[in-house]
Amino acid sequence: MTEAATFGVLNDEAFERSRRRIGIPDRPLTPHNLEVTADGTRHFAFGYGDDNPLYCEPDYGKNTRWGTLIAPPNFIYTMGENAAAPLTPEQKALMKGDPFAGLGSYQAVMEFEWFRPLRLGDRCRVLRSQVGVRDKPSAFGGRTAHVTNDFLFATADGDMVAVQRGTWINAERHTSKKRAGEKAPVDVTTPYTEEMLAEIDAAYDAETRRGAEPRYWEDVQIGDELQQRVKGPLTVTDIVVWHVGWGMQLTPPGSFGISRGVRRKVPGLYPPNNRNIPDTVQRLHWEPERARELGIPMSYDYGAMREAWLTHLVTDWMGDDAWLWKLSCQHRKFNYIGDTSWVRGRVTGTSESANGHAAELEVWVENQRGETTTPGTAVVLLPTRDSAVTLPAPPAEGLQGMLEYEIARFAE
């Protein structure tokens, strides 16, 4: 089949092309931050509504167990200089083009494991690779391709920082648009009343942070609720501020001539708008007309933003001396511009192991319609009255060792 005939079509050939890419490092974009700085971490934290001084004020960090300012957990999104060796000619051929080009791509699942903090002045290297692809039916998009990519982060000295595992659902746009149109319409236009806004403001005003007061493992009980966080009503301004700290991610940063240079290489990232002007595919997050063209009633947030909201909930609850080890979440519904999200959690278990004293959490994001848009789980290592938290050890050594471990893990 010709490239034009297969563009936007999900077929067996696309799956086979995708499978041949497993384990081949993909060159990441130039990171938004090359180094952990007080400005970079503050901009990122402010972008998801977090003013924790541990991430924003260097003088505060000096008096914590970390001895310095540290980056928020999700700050790894903004970092990662390429750690992969140059590709062979055969690998370059396999990596040319996107097997699922023209399909709608939606982030579905994201998992994190953090092994050590990024401290002020740290640089970070990343090894990025696809580790698996699965053929699955979907009520939303018919036949879909679930592609899992790993982002493996290490310091310049080779110490593992984190593993990020992301799964994206790829579906034919005409199918997802048709099925989206078959669903009951979502109200995205009714104004908020003054009473509704007052309730949201009161929730913001009631938020507190554990901070320097340790939360001891002995004091945590199953069923304990985490103090909720509210995020919203979501505005386009919130999306803009988020991008200031997060960078652009999919479309490389830069405008005008820089943007043209990227568009010349990857024109598919810049579909024309209603005036035939090429513009980033990401504009559906702030341009309602583009969202509606794709069968979505309104622009919506990013999955990464909700992941940061969940870590905000957990890190405020656990305090400075604890360690957020694991977070896993699923993005099941759109969070539209104008929606208000309530970020909540509860303790579901406690345990002791070689990794320390852990609290298992159920966490979720719920909109003003009472729908859970992002369910998830988290594991926090807490201090006891007799011992401080010991950071968890990664399951394999080095970036290449972790990549091999992750491919084997997915194959199981």
Protein backbone atom coordinates (compact mmCIF):
# COMPACT_ATOMS: atom_id res chain seq x y z
CA MET A 1 0.00 0.00 0.00
CA THR A 2 1.13 3.56 -0.64
CA GLU A 3 1.98 5.90 2.23
CA ALA A 4 -1.08 8.00 1.36
CA ALA A 5 -3.32 4.93 1.49
CA THR A 6 -2.06 3.89 4.91
CA PHE A 7 -2.01 7.36 6.49
CA GLY A 8 -4.55 7.44 9.32
CA VAL A 9 -5.43 3.75 8.85
CA LEU A 10 -4.86 1.11 11.53
CA ASN A 11 -3.79 -2.15 9.93
CA ASP A 12 -1.60 -5.22 10.58
CA GLU A 13 1.34 -3.66 8.76
CA ALA A 14 1.32 -0.73 11.19
CA PHE A 15 1.44 -3.10 14.16
CA GLU A 16 4.34 -5.04 12.69
CA ARG A 17 6.29 -1.86 11.98
CA SER A 18 5.69 -0.78 15.57
CA ARG A 19 6.86 -4.11 17.04
CA ARG A 20 10.13 -3.91 15.14
CA ARG A 21 10.90 -0.68 17.01
CA ILE A 22 10.88 -2.25 20.48
CA GLY A 23 14.17 -1.61 22.26
CA ILE A 24 15.51 0.89 19.72
CA PRO A 25 16.29 4.17 21.48
CA ASP A 26 14.36 7.14 20.14
CA ARG A 27 16.04 10.52 20.09
CA PRO A 28 14.21 12.80 22.53
CA LEU A 29 13.50 16.46 21.87
CA THR A 30 15.84 19.06 23.31
CA PRO A 31 14.76 19.23 26.96
CA HIS A 32 12.99 22.29 28.30
CA ASN A 33 15.52 22.39 31.17
CA LEU A 34 19.13 21.28 30.92
CA GLU A 35 19.71 21.79 34.64
CA VAL A 36 17.66 21.93 37.83
CA THR A 37 17.35 25.60 38.74
CA ALA A 38 15.24 27.46 41.26
CA ASP A 39 13.51 29.31 38.42
CA GLY A 40 12.79 26.16 36.44
CA THR A 41 11.35 24.20 39.36
CA ARG A 42 9.29 27.17 40.54
CA HIS A 43 7.82 27.77 37.08
CA PHE A 44 6.95 24.10 36.77
CA ALA A 45 5.38 23.87 40.24
CA PHE A 46 3.41 27.07 39.75
CA GLY A 47 2.14 25.64 36.45
CA TYR A 48 0.13 22.99 38.31
CA GLY A 49 -0.70 25.23 41.27
CA ASP A 50 1.92 24.12 43.81
CA ASP A 51 3.90 26.67 45.84
CA ASN A 52 5.66 24.12 48.08
CA PRO A 53 8.83 25.88 49.30
CA LEU A 54 10.73 22.60 49.00
CA TYR A 55 10.52 23.11 45.22
CA CYS A 56 10.40 26.90 45.06
CA GLU A 57 12.69 28.39 47.74
CA PRO A 58 16.38 27.37 47.92
CA ASP A 59 16.81 28.68 51.49
CA TYR A 60 13.98 26.44 52.68
CA GLY A 61 15.53 23.34 51.14
CA LYS A 62 18.82 23.88 52.97
CA ASN A 63 17.09 23.06 56.26
CA THR A 64 15.43 19.82 55.11
CA ARG A 65 16.81 16.27 55.02
CA TRP A 66 17.73 16.92 51.38
CA GLY A 67 20.02 19.86 52.22
CA THR A 68 18.95 21.78 49.13
CA LEU A 69 16.06 22.65 46.87
CA ILE A 70 14.77 19.59 45.04
CA ALA A 71 12.62 19.33 41.94
CA PRO A 72 8.97 18.25 42.03
CA PRO A 73 8.62 14.56 41.11
CA ASN A 74 7.10 15.23 37.69
CA PHE A 75 9.85 17.70 36.79
CA ILE A 76 11.49 14.84 34.89
CA TYR A 77 9.05 15.71 32.10
CA THR A 78 11.09 18.83 31.43
CA MET A 79 14.56 17.24 31.50
CA GLY A 80 16.62 14.59 29.78
CA GLU A 81 19.58 15.02 27.48
CA ASN A 82 19.91 12.18 25.00
CA ALA A 83 21.79 9.18 26.44
CA ALA A 84 21.41 6.84 23.45
CA ALA A 85 24.21 5.81 21.14
CA PRO A 86 23.87 6.81 17.47
CA LEU A 87 21.49 4.60 15.55
CA THR A 88 22.75 2.15 12.96
CA PRO A 89 21.52 2.58 9.36
CA GLU A 90 19.15 -0.36 9.90
CA GLN A 91 17.74 1.21 13.07
CA LYS A 92 17.30 4.55 11.34
CA ALA A 93 15.25 2.86 8.64
CA LEU A 94 13.02 1.19 11.23
CA MET A 95 12.52 4.48 13.06
CA LYS A 96 11.65 6.50 9.97
CA GLY A 97 8.09 7.77 10.02
CA ASP A 98 5.32 6.92 12.46
CA PRO A 99 3.58 3.54 12.03
CA PHE A 100 0.40 5.14 13.34
CA ALA A 101 0.67 8.48 11.52
CA GLY A 102 -2.66 10.24 11.07
CA LEU A 103 -4.37 8.41 13.93
CA GLY A 104 -5.74 10.13 16.98
CA SER A 105 -3.34 9.55 19.89
CA TYR A 106 -4.57 9.77 23.48
CA GLN A 107 -2.58 9.26 26.63
CA ALA A 108 -4.18 6.43 28.60
CA VAL A 109 -1.88 5.20 31.36
CA MET A 110 1.18 6.67 33.03
CA GLU A 111 3.34 5.00 35.66
CA PHE A 112 6.28 6.42 37.57
CA GLU A 113 8.91 5.04 39.90
CA TRP A 114 11.25 7.54 41.55
CA PHE A 115 14.55 6.40 43.07
CA ARG A 116 16.25 9.65 44.07
CA PRO A 117 15.51 13.38 43.88
CA LEU A 118 16.84 15.82 41.34
CA ARG A 119 18.70 18.44 43.36
CA LEU A 120 19.59 22.02 42.57
CA GLY A 121 22.30 21.99 39.90
CA ASP A 122 21.69 18.42 38.70
CA ARG A 123 21.68 17.57 35.02
CA CYS A 124 19.78 14.58 33.71
CA ARG A 125 20.14 12.07 30.88
CA VAL A 126 17.29 10.07 29.35
CA LEU A 127 17.01 6.84 27.39
CA ARG A 128 13.69 6.69 25.59
CA SER A 129 12.39 3.59 23.85
CA GLN A 130 9.24 1.76 22.95
CA VAL A 131 8.96 -1.40 25.06
CA GLY A 132 5.71 -2.86 23.75
CA VAL A 133 2.59 -2.57 21.58
CA ARG A 134 -0.75 -4.34 21.94
CA ASP A 135 -3.74 -4.68 19.63
CA LYS A 136 -6.92 -4.00 21.61
CA PRO A 137 -10.57 -3.26 20.87
CA SER A 138 -12.03 -0.08 22.35
CA ALA A 139 -15.56 1.16 22.87
CA PHE A 140 -14.29 4.64 21.99
CA GLY A 141 -12.17 4.04 18.91
CA GLY A 142 -12.89 0.54 17.59
CA ARG A 143 -9.59 -1.24 16.96
CA THR A 144 -6.78 0.52 18.78
CA ALA A 145 -3.02 0.27 19.21
CA HIS A 146 -1.79 0.56 22.79
CA VAL A 147 1.83 1.68 22.55
CA THR A 148 3.99 1.71 25.69
CA ASN A 149 7.10 3.86 25.81
CA ASP A 150 9.67 4.04 28.57
CA PHE A 151 11.55 7.15 29.60
CA LEU A 152 14.52 6.18 31.76
CA PHE A 153 16.22 9.02 33.65
CA ALA A 154 19.66 9.08 35.24
CA THR A 155 21.97 11.76 36.56
CA ALA A 156 25.10 12.76 34.66
CA ASP A 157 26.97 10.36 36.98
CA GLY A 158 24.75 7.44 35.99
CA ASP A 159 22.58 7.20 39.11
CA MET A 160 19.03 6.15 38.22
CA VAL A 161 16.52 8.90 38.96
CA ALA A 162 13.22 7.54 37.69
CA VAL A 163 11.34 5.32 35.29
CA GLN A 164 8.33 6.71 33.46
CA ARG A 165 6.12 4.27 31.54
CA GLY A 166 3.51 5.75 29.26
CA THR A 167 0.82 4.04 27.22
CA TRP A 168 -0.90 5.88 24.40
CA ILE A 169 -4.02 4.69 22.59
CA ASN A 170 -3.93 5.21 18.84
CA ALA A 171 -7.29 5.10 17.03
CA GLU A 172 -8.59 6.07 13.61
CA ARG A 173 -9.88 9.63 13.89
CA HIS A 174 -13.05 9.07 11.86
CA THR A 175 -13.99 6.14 14.11
CA SER A 176 -13.31 7.97 17.37
CA LYS A 177 -15.16 11.02 16.07
CA LYS A 178 -18.21 8.93 15.10
CA ARG A 179 -18.32 7.15 18.43
CA ALA A 180 -17.78 10.37 20.36
CA GLY A 181 -20.75 11.83 18.52
CA GLU A 182 -22.90 8.88 19.57
CA LYS A 183 -22.37 9.67 23.26
CA ALA A 184 -24.61 11.93 25.29
CA PRO A 185 -23.51 15.58 24.91
CA VAL A 186 -21.38 17.09 27.65
CA ASP A 187 -22.37 20.48 29.05
CA VAL A 188 -19.38 22.74 28.45
CA THR A 189 -21.12 26.11 28.27
CA THR A 190 -23.28 26.65 31.38
CA PRO A 191 -21.84 29.52 33.47
CA TYR A 192 -20.78 29.01 37.08
CA THR A 193 -22.95 30.65 39.72
CA GLU A 194 -21.43 32.85 42.41
CA GLU A 195 -22.26 30.14 44.95
CA MET A 196 -20.35 27.52 42.95
CA LEU A 197 -17.31 29.77 42.66
CA ALA A 198 -17.46 30.55 46.39
CA GLU A 199 -17.38 26.83 47.18
CA ILE A 200 -14.28 26.38 45.02
CA ASP A 201 -12.56 29.39 46.59
CA ALA A 202 -13.33 28.09 50.08
CA ALA A 203 -11.71 24.78 49.16
CA TYR A 204 -8.58 26.58 47.97
CA ASP A 205 -8.47 28.62 51.19
CA ALA A 206 -8.74 25.47 53.35
CA GLU A 207 -5.74 23.70 51.81
CA THR A 208 -2.77 23.02 54.11
CA ARG A 209 0.61 21.33 53.67
CA ARG A 210 2.36 18.85 55.98
CA GLY A 211 5.76 20.34 55.17
CA ALA A 212 8.44 20.09 57.84
CA GLU A 213 6.26 18.15 60.30
CA PRO A 214 7.03 14.45 59.72
CA ARG A 215 4.16 12.11 58.99
CA TYR A 216 5.17 8.95 60.80
CA TRP A 217 4.23 5.55 59.43
CA GLU A 218 2.98 4.43 62.86
CA ASP A 219 0.30 7.14 62.81
CA VAL A 220 -1.16 6.23 59.40
CA GLN A 221 -4.35 4.15 59.38
CA ILE A 222 -6.18 2.38 56.58
CA GLY A 223 -9.10 4.57 55.57
CA ASP A 224 -7.35 7.86 56.35
CA GLU A 225 -8.36 10.47 53.79
CA LEU A 226 -5.90 12.85 52.19
CA GLN A 227 -6.91 16.50 52.31
CA GLN A 228 -8.43 17.21 48.91
CA ARG A 229 -7.04 19.62 46.35
CA VAL A 230 -9.19 21.57 43.91
CA LYS A 231 -8.05 22.49 40.40
CA GLY A 232 -10.31 24.75 38.42
CA PRO A 233 -12.39 25.95 36.84
CA LEU A 234 -9.83 25.16 34.14
CA THR A 235 -9.08 28.06 31.80
CA VAL A 236 -6.95 28.55 28.70
CA THR A 237 -4.75 30.75 30.87
CA ASP A 238 -4.07 27.73 33.10
CA ILE A 239 -2.93 25.79 30.02
CA VAL A 240 -0.62 28.65 29.02
CA VAL A 241 0.92 28.88 32.51
CA TRP A 242 1.34 25.09 32.54
CA HIS A 243 3.28 25.29 29.28
CA VAL A 244 5.60 27.95 30.71
CA GLY A 245 6.96 25.40 33.18
CA TRP A 246 6.39 22.18 31.20
CA GLY A 247 7.61 23.30 27.81
CA MET A 248 5.84 22.22 24.63
CA GLN A 249 6.81 18.52 24.72
CA LEU A 250 5.25 17.23 21.48
CA THR A 251 5.91 20.22 19.24
CA PRO A 252 9.48 21.45 19.81
CA PRO A 253 9.73 24.89 21.40
CA GLY A 254 10.21 27.92 19.23
CA SER A 255 8.14 30.12 16.99
CA PHE A 256 8.20 31.69 13.53
CA GLY A 257 11.41 30.61 11.73
CA ILE A 258 12.22 27.97 14.35
CA SER A 259 8.74 26.54 13.99
CA ARG A 260 9.14 26.55 10.21
CA GLY A 261 12.31 24.51 10.52
CA VAL A 262 10.45 21.84 12.47
CA ARG A 263 7.44 21.95 10.15
CA ARG A 264 9.69 21.43 7.13
CA LYS A 265 10.89 18.15 8.66
CA VAL A 266 7.58 17.00 10.21
CA PRO A 267 4.68 18.71 8.43
CA GLY A 268 2.15 16.41 10.09
CA LEU A 269 2.71 18.20 13.40
CA TYR A 270 1.23 21.38 11.91
CA PRO A 271 -2.22 20.80 10.37
CA PRO A 272 -3.74 23.97 8.87
CA ASN A 273 -6.31 25.97 10.81
CA ASN A 274 -9.52 27.43 9.36
CA ARG A 275 -7.47 30.14 7.60
CA ASN A 276 -5.17 27.50 6.09
CA ILE A 277 -2.31 28.53 8.39
CA PRO A 278 -0.19 25.61 9.66
CA ASP A 279 -0.38 25.40 13.44
CA THR A 280 0.61 22.85 16.07
CA VAL A 281 -1.47 19.73 16.58
CA GLN A 282 -1.51 20.63 20.27
CA ARG A 283 -3.82 23.56 19.68
CA LEU A 284 -6.83 21.35 20.36
CA HIS A 285 -5.94 21.95 24.03
CA TRP A 286 -6.77 25.64 23.70
CA GLU A 287 -8.68 25.95 20.42
CA PRO A 288 -12.27 24.64 20.75
CA GLU A 289 -12.80 24.65 16.98
CA ARG A 290 -9.96 22.18 16.49
CA ALA A 291 -11.25 19.94 19.26
CA ARG A 292 -14.72 19.86 17.67
CA GLU A 293 -13.20 18.96 14.30
CA LEU A 294 -11.91 15.81 16.00
CA GLY A 295 -15.24 14.94 17.60
CA ILE A 296 -14.47 16.40 21.04
CA PRO A 297 -16.92 18.99 22.40
CA MET A 298 -14.33 21.31 23.95
CA SER A 299 -10.61 21.81 24.41
CA TYR A 300 -9.17 19.85 27.30
CA ASP A 301 -6.15 19.53 29.59
CA TYR A 302 -3.08 17.30 29.38
CA GLY A 303 -2.70 13.97 31.14
CA ALA A 304 0.65 15.16 32.46
CA MET A 305 -1.10 18.04 34.21
CA ARG A 306 -3.38 15.65 36.07
CA GLU A 307 -0.40 13.48 37.00
CA ALA A 308 1.19 16.56 38.57
CA TRP A 309 -2.07 17.27 40.42
CA LEU A 310 -1.96 13.78 41.92
CA THR A 311 1.63 14.21 43.06
CA HIS A 312 0.66 17.59 44.53
CA LEU A 313 -2.03 15.87 46.58
CA VAL A 314 0.37 13.19 47.82
CA THR A 315 3.45 15.31 48.48
CA ASP A 316 1.45 17.86 50.48
CA TRP A 317 0.05 14.99 52.58
CA MET A 318 3.29 13.09 53.17
CA GLY A 319 5.61 15.94 54.17
CA ASP A 320 9.23 16.80 53.44
CA ASP A 321 10.81 13.72 55.06
CA ALA A 322 8.83 11.10 53.12
CA TRP A 323 9.42 9.79 49.60
CA LEU A 324 6.89 9.35 46.80
CA TRP A 325 8.07 6.06 45.31
CA LYS A 326 5.37 5.03 42.84
CA LEU A 327 2.43 6.57 41.02
CA SER A 328 0.19 4.91 38.45
CA CYS A 329 -2.88 6.48 36.87
CA GLN A 330 -5.30 6.04 33.99
CA HIS A 331 -6.78 8.91 32.02
CA ARG A 332 -10.34 7.79 31.25
CA LYS A 333 -12.26 10.97 30.51
CA PHE A 334 -11.47 14.37 29.08
CA ASN A 335 -11.09 17.26 31.49
CA TYR A 336 -12.56 20.12 29.49
CA ILE A 337 -11.85 23.82 29.64
CA GLY A 338 -14.27 25.11 32.29
CA ASP A 339 -14.28 21.89 34.31
CA THR A 340 -13.41 21.86 37.99
CA SER A 341 -11.40 18.90 39.25
CA TRP A 342 -11.31 17.62 42.82
CA VAL A 343 -8.14 15.66 43.57
CA ARG A 344 -8.69 13.13 46.36
CA GLY A 345 -7.15 10.10 47.99
CA ARG A 346 -7.26 7.64 50.87
CA VAL A 347 -4.94 5.15 52.53
CA THR A 348 -5.67 1.57 51.44
CA GLY A 349 -2.81 -0.25 53.13
CA THR A 350 0.45 -0.11 55.07
CA SER A 351 3.37 -2.49 54.83
CA GLU A 352 6.96 -3.18 55.84
CA SER A 353 9.55 -4.57 53.45
CA ALA A 354 13.19 -4.30 52.49
CA ASN A 355 12.26 -1.00 50.84
CA GLY A 356 11.06 0.49 54.12
CA HIS A 357 7.74 1.44 55.67
CA ALA A 358 5.14 2.10 53.00
CA ALA A 359 1.66 3.54 52.77
CA GLU A 360 -0.44 2.43 49.79
CA LEU A 361 -2.87 5.02 48.50
CA GLU A 362 -5.85 5.18 46.21
CA VAL A 363 -5.91 8.54 44.44
CA TRP A 364 -8.20 10.01 41.84
CA VAL A 365 -9.36 13.13 39.99
CA GLU A 366 -13.10 13.79 39.96
CA ASN A 367 -14.91 16.48 37.97
CA GLN A 368 -17.86 18.64 38.96
CA ARG A 369 -20.21 16.14 37.27
CA GLY A 370 -19.13 13.49 39.79
CA GLU A 371 -17.17 11.51 37.19
CA THR A 372 -13.77 10.06 37.98
CA THR A 373 -11.58 11.25 35.12
CA THR A 374 -8.28 9.81 36.38
CA PRO A 375 -8.11 6.95 38.90
CA GLY A 376 -4.75 5.90 40.27
CA THR A 377 -2.63 4.43 43.02
CA ALA A 378 0.50 5.59 44.80
CA VAL A 379 3.08 4.20 47.20
CA VAL A 380 4.78 6.48 49.73
CA LEU A 381 7.74 5.58 51.93
CA LEU A 382 7.31 7.19 55.36
CA PRO A 383 9.69 7.75 58.25
CA THR A 384 9.11 6.03 61.56
CA ARG A 385 9.88 7.45 64.96
CA ASP A 386 13.03 5.32 64.97
CA SER A 387 14.26 5.61 61.38
CA ALA A 388 14.42 7.92 58.40
CA VAL A 389 13.33 6.94 54.92
CA THR A 390 15.88 5.08 52.81
CA LEU A 391 15.53 5.73 49.10
CA PRO A 392 14.49 2.64 47.07
CA ALA A 393 17.01 0.87 44.87
CA PRO A 394 16.28 0.53 41.13
CA PRO A 395 15.70 -3.08 39.94
CA ALA A 396 18.58 -2.91 37.44
CA GLU A 397 21.80 -0.96 37.05
CA GLY A 398 22.33 1.75 34.48
CA LEU A 399 20.11 2.98 31.69
CA GLN A 400 20.73 0.03 29.37
CA GLY A 401 20.18 -2.45 32.19
CA MET A 402 16.90 -0.76 33.05
CA LEU A 403 15.77 -0.82 29.41
CA GLU A 404 16.39 -4.57 29.17
CA TYR A 405 14.55 -5.08 32.45
CA GLU A 406 11.59 -3.05 31.23
CA ILE A 407 11.28 -4.90 27.91
CA ALA A 408 11.29 -8.24 29.74
CA ARG A 409 8.76 -6.88 32.23
CA PHE A 410 6.35 -5.83 29.46
CA ALA A 411 6.71 -9.17 27.65
CA GLU A 412 5.44 -10.99 30.72
